[in-house]
Amino acid sequence: MFKDKYIQCLEREIMKTGQGETSALKFAYDDLSKRYRSTNESGFKSNAEMIAYVHARFPATYAVLDHILQHEIHNKNDVKSALDLGAGPGTATLAALNHFALSHATLIEQTPEFIKAVSAVLRPSFPASEFNLISESVHKFTFPKADLVMLSYLLTEMPEVQALNVYEASLKATKAYNLVVLPGTSAAFKLLLQLRDRAIALGYRVLAPCPHMQACPMAQNADQWCHFRQRLSRSRAHQDIKKGTMGYEDEPYCYLLVAPGESANAIPGVKGRVINTPRHRPGHIYMDVCSPSGVIETRCVTKKDKAAYKTAKDLHWGDRV
């Protein structure tokens, strides 16, 4: 199901009274954003806030998850079931359905209006999949095991101790892959480092973005943190609600993908990860790469090496090398 159609269906289910005009949604999103920035308080005070959130945040969240699931999980047959924690409007589940033949998906979300709307949209749209939709806080539920466990923009909405506890519980529920996505901020990265350490200590293997299991080389640098950017186009409603002037936006994010198994010093076949935008100069391309040895290297590819140069020209921030 195309994400734009999904958004339209969600809006119809959340609010059937015709009160979803863009002008009202702008004010609702402003209120929601200010409240979140000042108090980090989650939750919604009106249907208009929920619709504004769907229009403003669903496209970017979906684009990030869709990119990660497409490029970082190569054996799609490993994923037949999914667990979406803090599911919101079902963004992560929809992205997973775009890449995996899910027979079963469990969505846990404390906002009952979202659960009701997602149920009304997902079940008829994906009749081959079974959906278990639970309106409950993730702190009050024992997680069922699933091949793919996803925590999308969830863990920064709670105190650190709670975040680590929820993450550890999610790891125990993971059969094949565990994916955490957080905002691409330095504060979120500090939390991500703790999650990474916890996963490694419990015997989980880091699959992405790190090409190694060593200490993160950015951990001690306050001016540098591991994050990436996903570009996406904006619909007219998306642009209007966010008061944007451009027809696109770049969503900054950081993420961690781990799998159960023995720890290893490097992921087989991975030579590094491009950690910022490659710098193109006449006859040269410079790339900062996080390497399998656990250090950041600046690699220079020259036009004299035709094959390597051709490959390097197509590399972007976040790509494997």
Protein backbone atom coordinates (compact mmCIF):
# COMPACT_ATOMS: atom_id res chain seq x y z
CA MET A 1 0.00 0.00 0.00
CA PHE A 2 1.42 3.38 -0.95
CA LYS A 3 2.22 5.57 2.05
CA ASP A 4 0.22 8.56 0.74
CA LYS A 5 -2.89 6.40 0.41
CA TYR A 6 -2.23 5.01 3.88
CA ILE A 7 -2.03 8.54 5.31
CA GLN A 8 -5.34 9.44 3.65
CA CYS A 9 -7.00 6.34 5.09
CA LEU A 10 -5.65 7.07 8.57
CA GLU A 11 -6.92 10.62 8.44
CA ARG A 12 -10.36 9.41 7.42
CA GLU A 13 -10.46 6.95 10.30
CA ILE A 14 -9.11 9.35 12.93
CA MET A 15 -11.45 12.18 12.07
CA LYS A 16 -14.64 11.68 10.10
CA THR A 17 -16.18 15.02 11.07
CA GLY A 18 -14.55 17.12 8.35
CA GLN A 19 -12.48 19.16 10.82
CA GLY A 20 -9.10 18.40 9.27
CA GLU A 21 -8.55 21.66 7.35
CA THR A 22 -4.90 22.52 6.84
CA SER A 23 -5.16 25.81 8.75
CA ALA A 24 -6.39 24.02 11.87
CA LEU A 25 -3.75 21.33 11.47
CA LYS A 26 -0.98 23.94 11.37
CA PHE A 27 -2.02 25.26 14.78
CA ALA A 28 -2.37 21.73 16.13
CA TYR A 29 1.11 20.77 14.97
CA ASP A 30 2.57 23.97 16.41
CA ASP A 31 1.03 23.18 19.80
CA LEU A 32 2.21 19.58 19.66
CA SER A 33 5.76 20.57 18.70
CA LYS A 34 6.06 23.26 21.38
CA ARG A 35 4.78 20.90 24.06
CA TYR A 36 7.20 18.16 23.04
CA ARG A 37 10.21 20.51 22.87
CA SER A 38 9.51 22.12 26.23
CA THR A 39 8.47 19.05 28.24
CA ASN A 40 9.27 15.99 26.06
CA GLU A 41 5.66 15.06 26.82
CA SER A 42 4.22 12.49 24.46
CA GLY A 43 0.54 11.99 23.72
CA PHE A 44 -2.15 13.93 21.89
CA LYS A 45 -4.82 16.34 23.11
CA SER A 46 -7.07 16.28 20.03
CA ASN A 47 -7.82 14.42 16.82
CA ALA A 48 -6.40 17.40 14.95
CA GLU A 49 -3.04 16.88 16.68
CA MET A 50 -3.04 13.24 15.64
CA ILE A 51 -3.78 14.07 12.01
CA ALA A 52 -1.19 16.84 12.00
CA TYR A 53 1.35 14.39 13.43
CA VAL A 54 0.55 11.82 10.74
CA HIS A 55 0.98 14.37 7.95
CA ALA A 56 4.12 15.93 9.44
CA ARG A 57 6.01 12.93 10.84
CA PHE A 58 4.78 9.80 9.07
CA PRO A 59 6.53 10.54 5.70
CA ALA A 60 9.99 11.12 7.22
CA THR A 61 9.75 8.21 9.66
CA TYR A 62 8.55 5.90 6.90
CA ALA A 63 11.35 7.02 4.54
CA VAL A 64 14.02 6.29 7.16
CA LEU A 65 12.65 2.86 8.08
CA ASP A 66 12.04 1.91 4.47
CA HIS A 67 15.65 2.77 3.60
CA ILE A 68 17.14 0.80 6.49
CA LEU A 69 14.98 -2.28 5.96
CA GLN A 70 15.75 -2.27 2.24
CA HIS A 71 19.51 -1.86 2.49
CA GLU A 72 20.53 -3.47 5.79
CA ILE A 73 18.46 -6.66 5.97
CA HIS A 74 19.50 -8.73 2.98
CA ASN A 75 17.89 -12.09 3.73
CA LYS A 76 14.26 -11.08 3.52
CA ASN A 77 13.13 -14.68 4.07
CA ASP A 78 14.32 -14.43 7.69
CA VAL A 79 11.45 -12.09 8.55
CA LYS A 80 7.97 -13.55 8.79
CA SER A 81 6.83 -11.81 11.98
CA ALA A 82 7.27 -8.31 13.38
CA LEU A 83 6.87 -6.52 16.70
CA ASP A 84 6.33 -2.75 16.46
CA LEU A 85 6.86 -1.08 19.85
CA GLY A 86 5.40 2.39 20.30
CA ALA A 87 3.78 1.81 16.92
CA GLY A 88 2.06 5.20 16.62
CA PRO A 89 0.19 5.24 13.30
CA GLY A 90 1.78 1.94 12.22
CA THR A 91 4.65 3.53 10.31
CA ALA A 92 7.29 0.88 11.01
CA THR A 93 4.87 -1.95 10.31
CA LEU A 94 3.89 -0.49 6.95
CA ALA A 95 7.58 -0.15 6.03
CA ALA A 96 8.16 -3.78 7.03
CA LEU A 97 5.19 -4.91 4.94
CA ASN A 98 6.84 -3.19 1.98
CA HIS A 99 9.84 -5.54 2.24
CA PHE A 100 8.76 -8.73 3.98
CA ALA A 101 5.96 -11.24 3.57
CA LEU A 102 4.76 -10.91 7.14
CA SER A 103 2.40 -13.59 8.35
CA HIS A 104 1.99 -11.86 11.72
CA ALA A 105 2.64 -8.43 13.20
CA THR A 106 2.07 -7.18 16.75
CA LEU A 107 1.70 -3.42 17.25
CA ILE A 108 1.80 -1.95 20.76
CA GLU A 109 0.73 1.69 21.04
CA GLN A 110 -0.71 3.55 24.04
CA THR A 111 -2.89 5.90 21.95
CA PRO A 112 -6.19 4.01 21.41
CA GLU A 113 -7.28 6.26 18.54
CA PHE A 114 -4.19 5.26 16.58
CA ILE A 115 -4.76 1.56 17.28
CA LYS A 116 -8.37 1.83 16.11
CA ALA A 117 -7.42 3.70 12.93
CA VAL A 118 -4.48 1.42 12.10
CA SER A 119 -6.68 -1.65 12.58
CA ALA A 120 -9.29 -0.26 10.19
CA VAL A 121 -6.65 0.40 7.53
CA LEU A 122 -4.18 -2.49 7.83
CA ARG A 123 -6.51 -5.46 8.14
CA PRO A 124 -8.44 -4.97 4.87
CA SER A 125 -5.31 -3.78 3.04
CA PHE A 126 -3.18 -6.82 3.96
CA PRO A 127 -5.59 -9.75 4.32
CA ALA A 128 -2.76 -12.32 4.16
CA SER A 129 -1.24 -10.95 7.37
CA GLU A 130 -2.55 -11.34 10.90
CA PHE A 131 -2.39 -8.20 13.05
CA ASN A 132 -2.44 -8.11 16.83
CA LEU A 133 -3.04 -4.47 17.81
CA ILE A 134 -2.65 -3.66 21.50
CA SER A 135 -3.53 -0.32 23.11
CA GLU A 136 -1.10 -0.35 26.00
CA SER A 137 2.09 1.27 27.27
CA VAL A 138 5.24 -0.64 26.37
CA HIS A 139 6.15 -0.49 30.08
CA LYS A 140 3.15 -2.62 31.00
CA PHE A 141 3.33 -5.41 28.46
CA THR A 142 5.37 -8.60 28.09
CA PHE A 143 6.65 -8.62 24.53
CA PRO A 144 5.95 -11.64 22.30
CA LYS A 145 8.87 -12.98 20.30
CA ALA A 146 9.19 -11.87 16.67
CA ASP A 147 11.69 -12.18 13.84
CA LEU A 148 11.95 -8.39 13.53
CA VAL A 149 11.54 -6.10 16.55
CA MET A 150 11.33 -2.36 15.82
CA LEU A 151 11.60 0.59 18.23
CA SER A 152 11.04 3.62 16.04
CA TYR A 153 11.60 7.06 17.64
CA LEU A 154 10.41 5.61 20.94
CA LEU A 155 13.26 5.43 23.43
CA THR A 156 14.02 9.17 23.59
CA GLU A 157 10.45 9.73 24.85
CA MET A 158 11.19 8.16 28.25
CA PRO A 159 13.78 8.42 31.04
CA GLU A 160 17.11 6.76 30.31
CA VAL A 161 16.69 3.92 32.81
CA GLN A 162 13.28 3.06 31.37
CA ALA A 163 14.67 3.22 27.83
CA LEU A 164 17.42 0.73 28.68
CA ASN A 165 14.93 -1.59 30.37
CA VAL A 166 12.53 -1.50 27.41
CA TYR A 167 15.42 -2.10 25.02
CA GLU A 168 16.70 -5.09 26.98
CA ALA A 169 13.18 -6.57 27.02
CA SER A 170 12.94 -6.02 23.27
CA LEU A 171 16.25 -7.85 22.75
CA LYS A 172 14.89 -10.87 24.60
CA ALA A 173 11.92 -10.86 22.22
CA THR A 174 14.14 -10.76 19.13
CA LYS A 175 14.47 -13.90 17.02
CA ALA A 176 16.39 -12.47 14.04
CA TYR A 177 16.73 -8.64 13.95
CA ASN A 178 16.29 -5.77 16.41
CA LEU A 179 16.12 -2.25 14.99
CA VAL A 180 16.21 1.00 16.97
CA VAL A 181 15.76 4.34 15.20
CA LEU A 182 16.28 7.65 17.04
CA PRO A 183 16.49 11.33 16.07
CA GLY A 184 19.83 12.28 14.56
CA THR A 185 20.88 14.45 17.48
CA SER A 186 23.94 14.31 19.71
CA ALA A 187 21.71 13.63 22.74
CA ALA A 188 20.01 10.69 21.03
CA PHE A 189 23.39 9.34 19.95
CA LYS A 190 24.55 9.23 23.58
CA LEU A 191 21.58 7.00 24.34
CA LEU A 192 22.31 4.89 21.26
CA LEU A 193 25.84 4.25 22.52
CA GLN A 194 24.41 2.86 25.75
CA LEU A 195 22.01 0.65 23.81
CA ARG A 196 24.90 -0.62 21.69
CA ASP A 197 26.98 -1.41 24.76
CA ARG A 198 24.04 -3.23 26.36
CA ALA A 199 23.39 -5.32 23.23
CA ILE A 200 27.05 -6.33 22.90
CA ALA A 201 27.28 -7.20 26.61
CA LEU A 202 24.26 -9.48 26.20
CA GLY A 203 25.89 -11.30 23.28
CA TYR A 204 24.13 -9.61 20.37
CA ARG A 205 25.96 -8.86 17.15
CA VAL A 206 25.95 -5.36 15.65
CA LEU A 207 24.93 -5.49 11.99
CA ALA A 208 24.57 -1.79 11.16
CA PRO A 209 25.60 0.90 10.88
CA CYS A 210 28.84 -0.14 12.59
CA PRO A 211 31.28 -2.30 10.58
CA HIS A 212 32.86 -3.50 13.83
CA MET A 213 32.18 -4.48 17.43
CA GLN A 214 34.85 -2.21 18.91
CA ALA A 215 34.26 0.93 20.96
CA CYS A 216 32.66 3.67 18.86
CA PRO A 217 35.38 6.07 17.63
CA MET A 218 32.95 9.01 17.96
CA ALA A 219 32.08 8.31 21.59
CA GLN A 220 34.62 10.73 23.05
CA ASN A 221 34.13 13.56 20.53
CA ALA A 222 31.44 16.01 21.62
CA ASP A 223 31.43 17.68 18.19
CA GLN A 224 30.86 14.48 16.23
CA TRP A 225 28.17 11.84 16.42
CA CYS A 226 27.11 9.00 14.14
CA HIS A 227 23.99 9.99 12.26
CA PHE A 228 22.62 9.98 8.74
CA ARG A 229 20.14 11.88 6.58
CA GLN A 230 17.26 10.60 4.49
CA ARG A 231 15.88 12.87 1.79
CA LEU A 232 12.17 12.70 1.00
CA SER A 233 9.71 14.71 -1.02
CA ARG A 234 6.93 16.62 0.71
CA SER A 235 3.25 16.51 -0.18
CA ARG A 236 1.41 19.82 -0.20
CA ALA A 237 -0.21 19.03 3.17
CA HIS A 238 3.16 17.98 4.62
CA GLN A 239 4.77 21.20 3.42
CA ASP A 240 1.93 23.43 4.62
CA ILE A 241 1.65 21.92 8.11
CA LYS A 242 5.40 22.22 8.70
CA LYS A 243 5.43 25.70 7.12
CA GLY A 244 8.13 24.55 4.75
CA THR A 245 9.28 26.43 1.68
CA MET A 246 10.98 23.49 -0.03
CA GLY A 247 9.34 20.53 -1.74
CA TYR A 248 11.63 18.14 0.13
CA GLU A 249 13.28 17.67 3.50
CA ASP A 250 16.27 15.83 4.92
CA GLU A 251 15.45 13.76 7.99
CA PRO A 252 18.42 13.30 10.37
CA TYR A 253 18.45 10.00 12.24
CA CYS A 254 20.67 7.49 13.99
CA TYR A 255 20.00 3.79 14.26
CA LEU A 256 21.21 0.44 15.54
CA LEU A 257 20.52 -2.95 13.99
CA VAL A 258 21.59 -6.02 15.96
CA ALA A 259 21.01 -9.75 15.80
CA PRO A 260 21.28 -12.56 18.33
CA GLY A 261 24.52 -14.51 18.11
CA GLU A 262 28.18 -14.58 19.00
CA SER A 263 30.09 -11.30 19.01
CA ALA A 264 32.51 -10.69 16.16
CA ASN A 265 35.16 -8.05 15.47
CA ALA A 266 33.82 -7.25 12.03
CA ILE A 267 30.84 -7.94 9.84
CA PRO A 268 31.94 -10.24 6.98
CA GLY A 269 32.15 -8.46 3.64
CA VAL A 270 31.90 -4.96 5.12
CA LYS A 271 34.92 -2.72 4.67
CA GLY A 272 33.47 0.40 6.21
CA ARG A 273 30.64 2.91 6.42
CA VAL A 274 30.68 6.42 4.91
CA ILE A 275 29.93 8.70 7.87
CA ASN A 276 29.37 12.03 6.13
CA THR A 277 29.05 13.53 2.66
CA PRO A 278 31.95 12.55 0.35
CA ARG A 279 34.00 15.54 -0.81
CA HIS A 280 34.43 15.68 -4.57
CA ARG A 281 37.52 17.49 -5.89
CA PRO A 282 38.98 17.57 -9.41
CA GLY A 283 40.28 14.05 -9.97
CA HIS A 284 39.82 13.06 -6.30
CA ILE A 285 37.08 11.94 -3.93
CA TYR A 286 37.66 12.09 -0.19
CA MET A 287 35.52 9.99 2.15
CA ASP A 288 35.46 9.71 5.92
CA VAL A 289 34.87 6.04 6.66
CA CYS A 290 34.25 4.14 9.89
CA SER A 291 36.45 1.10 9.32
CA PRO A 292 36.29 -2.55 10.53
CA SER A 293 39.26 -1.83 12.80
CA GLY A 294 37.13 0.61 14.81
CA VAL A 295 38.81 3.84 13.68
CA ILE A 296 37.72 6.62 11.33
CA GLU A 297 39.78 6.81 8.16
CA THR A 298 39.87 9.47 5.47
CA ARG A 299 40.14 7.62 2.19
CA CYS A 300 41.14 9.25 -1.06
CA VAL A 301 40.11 7.73 -4.39
CA THR A 302 41.77 9.17 -7.50
CA LYS A 303 40.68 9.16 -11.09
CA LYS A 304 43.73 7.05 -11.92
CA ASP A 305 42.01 4.08 -10.30
CA LYS A 306 39.14 4.01 -12.79
CA ALA A 307 37.10 1.19 -11.24
CA ALA A 308 37.34 2.51 -7.68
CA TYR A 309 36.67 6.08 -8.83
CA LYS A 310 33.56 5.01 -10.73
CA THR A 311 32.26 3.25 -7.61
CA ALA A 312 33.16 6.15 -5.31
CA LYS A 313 31.25 8.66 -7.46
CA ASP A 314 28.02 6.87 -6.59
CA LEU A 315 28.65 6.61 -2.85
CA HIS A 316 26.63 8.71 -0.42
CA TRP A 317 26.66 9.43 3.29
CA GLY A 318 25.60 6.23 5.05
CA ASP A 319 26.58 3.76 2.31
CA ARG A 320 28.60 0.64 2.93
CA VAL A 321 32.05 0.52 1.28
